[in-house]
Amino acid sequence: MISSKFRFLPIILIATALAACSSSQQQTAATTEEQAPLVSVAQLEASSITVWDELPARVSAFRTAEVRAQVSGLVVNRLFQEGTEVKKGQALFALDSTSYAADVASAEATLQKARAVFEQTTAEFERADVLKASNNISDQAYDLASSQRAQGAADVAQAEAALKKANLSLDLATIKAPIDGQIGAAMVGEGTLAEATSTTSLATIQQIGSVHIDIRQPASRLEHLRSLAKSGQLKEPGTIPIEILAGEGEDGVIAAKALFSDISVDEGTGNVRLRAQAENADRRLLPGMYVRARVPRGTYPDAISVPQQAVIRDTLGMPSVFVVADGTATPVTVTLGELVEGRYIVTGGLKAGDSIVVEGQDKLSTAGPVRTIPFGTQPAAAAPTAEPAATH
């Protein structure tokens, strides 16, 4: 009879073999998982994307006025500080007004004389009118008195006009600001003869709290901008937003809006001028400054985009990306649109929520398992391999 301890020996051997096999399979699976490529992945989200054209532009003042003399005379005083803000009507230059003051005095004397003569002729006419009622004056004498009275009234009117003109010339001897704005350097100094017929301005005043941006763009873009303004995709319907690049980073972007475009095209370049307006309270934009302007070329309200480095191309140039699902990366052919700030707009092949490989796709050739970390993070340092347990 077989002993009971020998009866269970095969069962123990089989169990031991199965356990060894299971342990081997687990070790193999763990080894395979550890050998899977480590890649960085990003999950796609739909967002609104605007495609821009970056074009050269130049800044000009919102309003400009050249200060000129309307009467001639020597400049005796400058009444403003260069580079400051001035108000409309503020005195800027004082001319020698001696001769103009004398003209005023002469015109006042002439007016007084004309008024005295008019009073005399009026009195004579009134007496003649009384005599006319009693037929004690001839028609010729009556007509003469009436004519002299009318001539006296005309002389008074002429003298009043001459006085007004003399006062105007005297007032114009103080040159004033025609508009509000910031005044530049004075082009003349004390002792300079300012002439009313001169084409040289004495100073220039510019309004730069708001400025105009003149942008040169291809005429072929005009119809596209009109379509964009009517599309309803803009925050302010009918108003095309413009971005002015006046520095580095987000702080260097100044918002503007398009006003109009020229009705003629430059025959030499085929460009047309687009004018925009930007607020400039901090005076960052100065007239004459060259800047870069970003003009919208198109808006995609629910676009899917991928980083440029996520796209791989085959020998024929066909683009594709690796999509990761359930730990497996699979190549997917995609249709690409425009490249915007380092990201391709994807028009076919992907959808929101897909996870794609952004870095590490050079380790992949076909579909297969991968280990993933979020794009933009650094992989954790590899844990040291555990030493095998000592056998006794």
Protein backbone atom coordinates (compact mmCIF):
# COMPACT_ATOMS: atom_id res chain seq x y z
CA MET A 1 0.00 0.00 0.00
CA ILE A 2 1.29 3.47 -0.97
CA SER A 3 2.02 5.77 1.90
CA SER A 4 -0.17 8.91 2.13
CA LYS A 5 2.84 11.24 1.99
CA PHE A 6 3.80 9.80 -1.39
CA ARG A 7 0.18 9.98 -2.61
CA PHE A 8 0.17 13.85 -2.49
CA LEU A 9 3.64 14.31 -3.94
CA PRO A 10 2.49 14.67 -7.64
CA ILE A 11 -0.09 17.26 -6.64
CA ILE A 12 2.54 19.32 -4.85
CA LEU A 13 4.89 19.09 -7.85
CA ILE A 14 2.15 20.23 -10.25
CA ALA A 15 1.20 23.18 -8.03
CA THR A 16 4.81 24.17 -7.73
CA ALA A 17 5.23 24.05 -11.53
CA LEU A 18 2.11 26.14 -12.10
CA ALA A 19 3.25 28.74 -9.58
CA ALA A 20 6.64 28.92 -11.23
CA CYS A 21 5.00 29.34 -14.65
CA SER A 22 2.68 32.09 -13.38
CA SER A 23 5.60 33.91 -11.75
CA SER A 24 7.56 33.66 -14.99
CA GLN A 25 4.65 35.11 -16.99
CA GLN A 26 4.26 37.99 -14.55
CA GLN A 27 7.98 38.73 -14.70
CA THR A 28 7.82 38.64 -18.51
CA ALA A 29 4.82 41.00 -18.56
CA ALA A 30 6.51 43.36 -16.11
CA THR A 31 9.69 43.30 -18.18
CA THR A 32 7.68 44.03 -21.36
CA GLU A 33 5.90 46.96 -19.67
CA GLU A 34 9.21 48.38 -18.45
CA GLN A 35 10.63 48.10 -21.98
CA ALA A 36 7.68 50.03 -23.58
CA PRO A 37 8.78 53.48 -24.90
CA LEU A 38 8.18 56.47 -22.64
CA VAL A 39 6.39 59.28 -24.49
CA SER A 40 4.85 62.67 -23.65
CA VAL A 41 1.16 63.02 -24.48
CA ALA A 42 -1.35 65.86 -24.60
CA GLN A 43 -5.13 65.76 -24.70
CA LEU A 44 -6.75 67.76 -27.49
CA GLU A 45 -9.32 70.45 -26.80
CA ALA A 46 -11.45 72.50 -29.20
CA SER A 47 -10.84 76.25 -29.05
CA SER A 48 -11.30 79.40 -31.10
CA ILE A 49 -8.22 80.20 -33.21
CA THR A 50 -7.55 83.35 -35.23
CA VAL A 51 -5.08 83.26 -38.09
CA TRP A 52 -3.13 86.50 -38.50
CA ASP A 53 -1.07 88.20 -41.19
CA GLU A 54 1.87 90.15 -39.79
CA LEU A 55 2.44 93.26 -41.91
CA PRO A 56 4.60 96.40 -41.79
CA ALA A 57 2.90 99.57 -40.56
CA ARG A 58 3.67 103.15 -39.61
CA VAL A 59 2.26 105.34 -36.86
CA SER A 60 0.78 108.78 -37.56
CA ALA A 61 -0.84 111.34 -35.26
CA PHE A 62 -4.61 111.42 -34.87
CA ARG A 63 -4.57 115.14 -35.75
CA THR A 64 -1.71 117.41 -36.77
CA ALA A 65 -1.61 121.19 -36.97
CA GLU A 66 1.27 123.37 -38.09
CA VAL A 67 1.56 126.66 -36.24
CA ARG A 68 2.03 129.53 -38.72
CA ALA A 69 2.05 133.32 -38.58
CA GLN A 70 -0.96 135.05 -40.15
CA VAL A 71 0.64 138.50 -39.88
CA SER A 72 4.29 139.44 -40.25
CA GLY A 73 6.47 140.59 -37.41
CA LEU A 74 9.54 139.90 -35.29
CA VAL A 75 9.18 137.12 -32.71
CA VAL A 76 9.71 138.76 -29.32
CA ASN A 77 8.75 135.89 -27.01
CA ARG A 78 8.07 132.13 -26.97
CA LEU A 79 5.22 131.47 -24.54
CA PHE A 80 5.25 127.66 -24.24
CA GLN A 81 7.53 124.88 -23.08
CA GLU A 82 8.58 122.51 -25.84
CA GLY A 83 7.21 118.97 -25.65
CA THR A 84 4.28 119.85 -23.37
CA GLU A 85 0.52 119.59 -23.80
CA VAL A 86 -1.17 122.79 -25.02
CA LYS A 87 -4.82 123.78 -25.28
CA LYS A 88 -6.66 125.26 -28.22
CA GLY A 89 -6.35 129.07 -28.07
CA GLN A 90 -3.28 129.01 -25.81
CA ALA A 91 -0.73 131.75 -26.66
CA LEU A 92 2.44 130.29 -28.20
CA PHE A 93 4.43 133.17 -29.77
CA ALA A 94 4.28 136.93 -29.33
CA LEU A 95 5.19 139.13 -32.30
CA ASP A 96 6.19 142.78 -32.16
CA SER A 97 2.76 144.43 -32.14
CA THR A 98 3.78 148.12 -32.05
CA SER A 99 2.73 148.87 -35.61
CA TYR A 100 -0.52 146.93 -35.22
CA ALA A 101 -1.39 148.86 -32.06
CA ALA A 102 -0.77 152.09 -33.96
CA ASP A 103 -3.08 150.91 -36.73
CA VAL A 104 -5.78 150.30 -34.16
CA ALA A 105 -5.39 153.80 -32.74
CA SER A 106 -5.55 155.31 -36.23
CA ALA A 107 -8.65 153.30 -37.08
CA GLU A 108 -10.34 154.40 -33.84
CA ALA A 109 -9.62 158.08 -34.69
CA THR A 110 -10.99 157.64 -38.21
CA LEU A 111 -14.14 156.05 -36.77
CA GLN A 112 -14.63 158.94 -34.35
CA LYS A 113 -14.30 161.45 -37.19
CA ALA A 114 -16.76 159.53 -39.35
CA ARG A 115 -19.28 159.38 -36.52
CA ALA A 116 -18.97 163.14 -35.94
CA VAL A 117 -19.59 163.85 -39.63
CA PHE A 118 -22.52 161.44 -39.61
CA GLU A 119 -24.08 163.20 -36.61
CA GLN A 120 -23.78 166.57 -38.42
CA THR A 121 -25.28 165.30 -41.68
CA THR A 122 -28.07 163.58 -39.74
CA ALA A 123 -28.98 166.85 -38.03
CA GLU A 124 -28.99 168.72 -41.36
CA PHE A 125 -31.17 166.06 -42.91
CA GLU A 126 -33.66 166.27 -40.03
CA ARG A 127 -33.96 170.07 -40.48
CA ALA A 128 -34.41 169.62 -44.22
CA ASP A 129 -37.09 167.05 -43.57
CA VAL A 130 -39.04 169.58 -41.42
CA LEU A 131 -38.74 172.22 -44.11
CA LYS A 132 -39.84 169.73 -46.72
CA ALA A 133 -43.12 169.23 -44.85
CA SER A 134 -43.90 173.00 -45.13
CA ASN A 135 -42.53 173.31 -48.68
CA ASN A 136 -39.83 175.77 -47.53
CA ILE A 137 -36.91 173.87 -49.13
CA SER A 138 -36.16 173.01 -52.70
CA ASP A 139 -36.08 169.45 -53.86
CA GLN A 140 -32.42 169.84 -54.79
CA ALA A 141 -31.40 170.96 -51.29
CA TYR A 142 -33.44 168.19 -49.69
CA ASP A 143 -31.84 165.55 -51.91
CA LEU A 144 -28.37 166.92 -51.08
CA ALA A 145 -29.00 166.65 -47.32
CA SER A 146 -30.27 163.10 -47.72
CA SER A 147 -27.27 162.12 -49.81
CA GLN A 148 -24.80 163.60 -47.32
CA ARG A 149 -26.48 161.71 -44.48
CA ALA A 150 -26.22 158.41 -46.41
CA GLN A 151 -22.56 159.13 -47.21
CA GLY A 152 -21.87 159.74 -43.53
CA ALA A 153 -23.45 156.40 -42.58
CA ALA A 154 -21.28 154.62 -45.16
CA ASP A 155 -18.15 156.32 -43.84
CA VAL A 156 -18.99 155.12 -40.32
CA ALA A 157 -19.46 151.55 -41.53
CA GLN A 158 -16.16 151.69 -43.41
CA ALA A 159 -14.33 153.05 -40.37
CA GLU A 160 -15.82 150.34 -38.15
CA ALA A 161 -14.63 147.64 -40.58
CA ALA A 162 -11.14 149.16 -40.66
CA LEU A 163 -11.04 149.17 -36.87
CA LYS A 164 -12.16 145.54 -36.74
CA LYS A 165 -9.43 144.60 -39.20
CA ALA A 166 -6.80 146.50 -37.22
CA ASN A 167 -7.90 144.78 -34.00
CA LEU A 168 -7.75 141.40 -35.75
CA SER A 169 -4.18 142.04 -36.92
CA LEU A 170 -3.25 143.11 -33.40
CA ASP A 171 -4.81 139.94 -32.00
CA LEU A 172 -3.01 137.77 -34.58
CA ALA A 173 0.30 139.23 -33.43
CA THR A 174 -0.12 136.75 -30.56
CA ILE A 175 0.06 133.35 -32.28
CA LYS A 176 -2.22 130.78 -30.60
CA ALA A 177 -2.63 127.01 -30.70
CA PRO A 178 -5.21 125.93 -33.32
CA ILE A 179 -5.92 122.56 -31.60
CA ASP A 180 -5.33 120.70 -28.35
CA GLY A 181 -2.30 118.41 -28.39
CA GLN A 182 1.38 117.97 -27.68
CA ILE A 183 3.64 120.62 -29.16
CA GLY A 184 7.09 119.84 -30.48
CA ALA A 185 10.23 121.93 -30.75
CA ALA A 186 10.00 125.60 -31.71
CA MET A 187 11.38 126.15 -35.21
CA VAL A 188 12.09 129.86 -34.62
CA GLY A 189 13.52 131.87 -31.76
CA GLU A 190 13.28 135.44 -30.49
CA GLY A 191 14.35 137.98 -33.10
CA THR A 192 13.29 135.84 -36.05
CA LEU A 193 11.05 137.53 -38.63
CA ALA A 194 7.83 135.57 -38.96
CA GLU A 195 6.14 136.25 -42.27
CA ALA A 196 2.54 135.61 -43.15
CA THR A 197 3.58 134.35 -46.60
CA SER A 198 6.21 131.91 -45.30
CA THR A 199 5.75 128.18 -45.89
CA THR A 200 7.81 127.31 -42.78
CA SER A 201 5.84 126.45 -39.65
CA LEU A 202 6.84 127.88 -36.30
CA ALA A 203 6.00 124.64 -34.45
CA THR A 204 3.87 121.52 -34.85
CA ILE A 205 1.08 120.30 -32.58
CA GLN A 206 0.03 116.65 -32.67
CA GLN A 207 -2.76 114.77 -30.95
CA ILE A 208 -1.34 111.37 -29.98
CA GLY A 209 -3.71 110.26 -27.20
CA SER A 210 -5.11 108.19 -30.06
CA VAL A 211 -3.01 107.42 -33.12
CA HIS A 212 -3.54 106.13 -36.62
CA ILE A 213 -1.72 103.04 -37.89
CA ASP A 214 -1.21 102.88 -41.65
CA ILE A 215 -0.80 99.25 -42.72
CA ARG A 216 0.33 98.12 -46.16
CA GLN A 217 -1.30 94.88 -47.25
CA PRO A 218 -1.90 93.05 -50.55
CA ALA A 219 -5.00 94.25 -52.35
CA SER A 220 -6.13 90.62 -52.66
CA ARG A 221 -6.80 90.58 -48.89
CA LEU A 222 -9.42 93.33 -49.02
CA GLU A 223 -12.30 91.10 -50.08
CA HIS A 224 -11.36 88.59 -47.41
CA LEU A 225 -11.46 91.30 -44.73
CA ARG A 226 -14.88 92.45 -45.93
CA SER A 227 -16.15 88.87 -45.75
CA LEU A 228 -14.69 88.47 -42.27
CA ALA A 229 -16.40 91.66 -41.09
CA LYS A 230 -19.77 90.31 -42.31
CA SER A 231 -19.27 86.74 -41.09
CA GLY A 232 -20.46 87.28 -37.52
CA GLN A 233 -17.27 85.65 -36.15
CA LEU A 234 -15.96 88.91 -34.67
CA LYS A 235 -16.57 90.13 -31.13
CA GLU A 236 -17.77 93.48 -32.48
CA PRO A 237 -19.72 92.85 -35.72
CA GLY A 238 -18.40 94.94 -38.58
CA THR A 239 -15.25 95.98 -36.66
CA ILE A 240 -12.03 94.22 -37.65
CA PRO A 241 -9.60 93.93 -34.70
CA ILE A 242 -5.94 94.75 -35.30
CA GLU A 243 -2.99 93.95 -33.03
CA ILE A 244 0.00 96.30 -32.98
CA LEU A 245 3.30 94.71 -31.96
CA ALA A 246 5.18 97.43 -30.12
CA GLY A 247 7.39 95.27 -27.89
CA GLU A 248 8.11 91.80 -26.58
CA GLY A 249 5.55 89.53 -24.92
CA GLU A 250 1.90 90.19 -24.19
CA ASP A 251 2.68 93.67 -22.82
CA GLY A 252 3.96 94.64 -26.26
CA VAL A 253 0.62 93.99 -27.99
CA ILE A 254 -1.65 97.03 -28.39
CA ALA A 255 -5.26 96.59 -29.51
CA ALA A 256 -6.54 98.62 -32.46
CA LYS A 257 -9.47 98.58 -34.84
CA ALA A 258 -9.64 99.05 -38.59
CA LEU A 259 -11.18 102.30 -39.85
CA PHE A 260 -11.03 102.15 -43.65
CA SER A 261 -8.91 101.13 -46.62
CA ASP A 262 -7.80 103.26 -49.55
CA ILE A 263 -9.78 103.12 -52.77
CA SER A 264 -6.65 102.97 -54.91
CA VAL A 265 -3.88 100.38 -55.19
CA ASP A 266 -0.17 101.17 -55.38
CA GLU A 267 0.77 100.25 -58.95
CA GLY A 268 4.35 99.48 -58.00
CA THR A 269 3.72 97.08 -55.12
CA GLY A 270 0.11 96.00 -55.54
CA ASN A 271 -0.53 96.98 -51.92
CA VAL A 272 -3.34 99.02 -50.47
CA ARG A 273 -3.30 101.06 -47.27
CA LEU A 274 -5.45 99.93 -44.37
CA ARG A 275 -5.83 102.52 -41.60
CA ALA A 276 -6.44 101.50 -37.99
CA GLN A 277 -6.86 103.47 -34.79
CA ALA A 278 -5.31 102.64 -31.42
CA GLU A 279 -5.57 104.25 -27.99
CA ASN A 280 -2.21 105.64 -26.90
CA ALA A 281 -2.68 107.09 -23.42
CA ASP A 282 0.81 106.00 -22.30
CA ARG A 283 2.45 107.50 -25.43
CA ARG A 284 4.15 104.23 -26.43
CA LEU A 285 3.37 104.86 -30.10
CA LEU A 286 4.95 107.98 -31.59
CA PRO A 287 4.25 109.51 -35.01
CA GLY A 288 6.64 108.20 -37.65
CA MET A 289 7.40 104.99 -35.74
CA TYR A 290 7.55 101.76 -37.75
CA VAL A 291 5.74 98.81 -36.15
CA ARG A 292 4.37 95.40 -37.07
CA ALA A 293 0.61 94.95 -37.30
CA ARG A 294 -1.28 91.68 -37.13
CA VAL A 295 -4.38 91.63 -39.32
CA PRO A 296 -6.83 88.70 -39.03
CA ARG A 297 -6.94 86.37 -42.01
CA GLY A 298 -9.52 83.95 -40.65
CA THR A 299 -11.24 82.75 -37.47
CA TYR A 300 -11.95 79.10 -36.59
CA PRO A 301 -14.44 79.01 -33.69
CA ASP A 302 -14.07 75.30 -32.68
CA ALA A 303 -10.68 74.29 -34.04
CA ILE A 304 -8.53 71.30 -33.10
CA SER A 305 -4.81 72.07 -33.14
CA VAL A 306 -1.68 70.03 -32.40
CA PRO A 307 1.87 71.10 -31.61
CA GLN A 308 4.11 71.21 -34.66
CA GLN A 309 6.53 68.68 -33.17
CA ALA A 310 3.73 66.11 -32.79
CA VAL A 311 3.37 65.74 -36.57
CA ILE A 312 5.46 63.17 -38.41
CA ARG A 313 5.61 62.68 -42.16
CA ASP A 314 6.28 59.63 -44.26
CA THR A 315 8.52 59.48 -47.33
CA LEU A 316 5.72 60.97 -49.43
CA GLY A 317 5.20 63.83 -47.02
CA MET A 318 1.86 62.59 -45.69
CA PRO A 319 1.32 63.88 -42.11
CA SER A 320 0.23 61.69 -39.21
CA VAL A 321 0.26 61.64 -35.42
CA PHE A 322 0.29 58.87 -32.85
CA VAL A 323 -2.97 58.61 -30.90
CA VAL A 324 -2.74 56.87 -27.50
CA ALA A 325 -5.68 54.81 -26.21
CA ASP A 326 -5.59 52.14 -23.49
CA GLY A 327 -1.80 52.28 -23.31
CA THR A 328 -1.32 51.69 -27.05
CA ALA A 329 -0.05 54.28 -29.53
CA THR A 330 -1.52 54.05 -33.04
CA PRO A 331 -0.48 56.19 -36.04
CA VAL A 332 -3.39 58.19 -37.52
CA THR A 333 -3.24 60.09 -40.82
CA VAL A 334 -4.41 63.70 -40.42
CA THR A 335 -5.32 66.62 -42.64
CA LEU A 336 -3.51 69.82 -41.68
CA GLY A 337 -4.56 73.42 -42.08
CA GLU A 338 -2.54 76.53 -41.29
CA LEU A 339 0.36 76.74 -38.87
CA VAL A 340 -0.44 79.27 -36.12
CA GLU A 341 2.13 80.07 -33.44
CA GLY A 342 3.78 76.67 -33.59
CA ARG A 343 0.54 74.65 -33.81
CA TYR A 344 -1.13 73.07 -36.84
CA ILE A 345 -4.88 73.43 -37.25
CA VAL A 346 -6.19 69.90 -37.90
CA THR A 347 -9.12 69.76 -40.32
CA GLY A 348 -9.50 65.97 -40.37
CA GLY A 349 -8.44 62.80 -38.55
CA LEU A 350 -8.66 63.94 -34.91
CA LYS A 351 -11.32 65.04 -32.47
CA ALA A 352 -11.49 66.75 -29.10
CA GLY A 353 -10.54 64.42 -26.26
CA ASP A 354 -7.94 62.42 -28.22
CA SER A 355 -4.55 61.96 -26.55
CA ILE A 356 -1.63 62.35 -28.94
CA VAL A 357 2.10 61.79 -28.63
CA VAL A 358 3.96 65.11 -28.65
CA GLU A 359 7.46 63.94 -27.74
CA GLY A 360 9.01 60.51 -28.07
CA GLN A 361 7.39 59.47 -31.34
CA ASP A 362 10.86 58.88 -32.75
CA LYS A 363 10.86 55.72 -30.61
CA LEU A 364 7.73 54.45 -32.39
CA SER A 365 7.36 52.97 -35.84
CA THR A 366 4.10 51.07 -35.67
CA ALA A 367 1.25 50.62 -33.23
CA GLY A 368 2.38 49.32 -29.87
CA PRO A 369 2.30 49.75 -26.11
CA VAL A 370 3.73 52.90 -24.59
CA ARG A 371 4.29 54.45 -21.21
CA THR A 372 3.00 58.02 -20.99
CA ILE A 373 3.64 61.20 -19.05
CA PRO A 374 1.85 64.55 -19.55
CA PHE A 375 3.50 66.80 -22.10
CA GLY A 376 5.61 69.48 -20.44
CA THR A 377 6.60 67.41 -17.40
CA GLN A 378 9.92 65.72 -16.78
CA PRO A 379 9.98 61.92 -16.44
CA ALA A 380 10.67 60.66 -12.93
CA ALA A 381 14.10 59.20 -12.31
CA ALA A 382 14.20 55.45 -12.87
CA ALA A 383 13.93 53.47 -9.66
CA PRO A 384 17.00 51.33 -8.86
CA THR A 385 16.65 47.64 -9.81
CA ALA A 386 16.04 45.50 -6.73
CA GLU A 387 18.83 43.02 -5.99
CA PRO A 388 17.83 39.29 -6.13
CA ALA A 389 17.11 37.72 -2.78
CA ALA A 390 19.89 35.56 -1.39
CA THR A 391 19.29 31.81 -1.54
CA HIS A 392 19.93 29.61 1.38
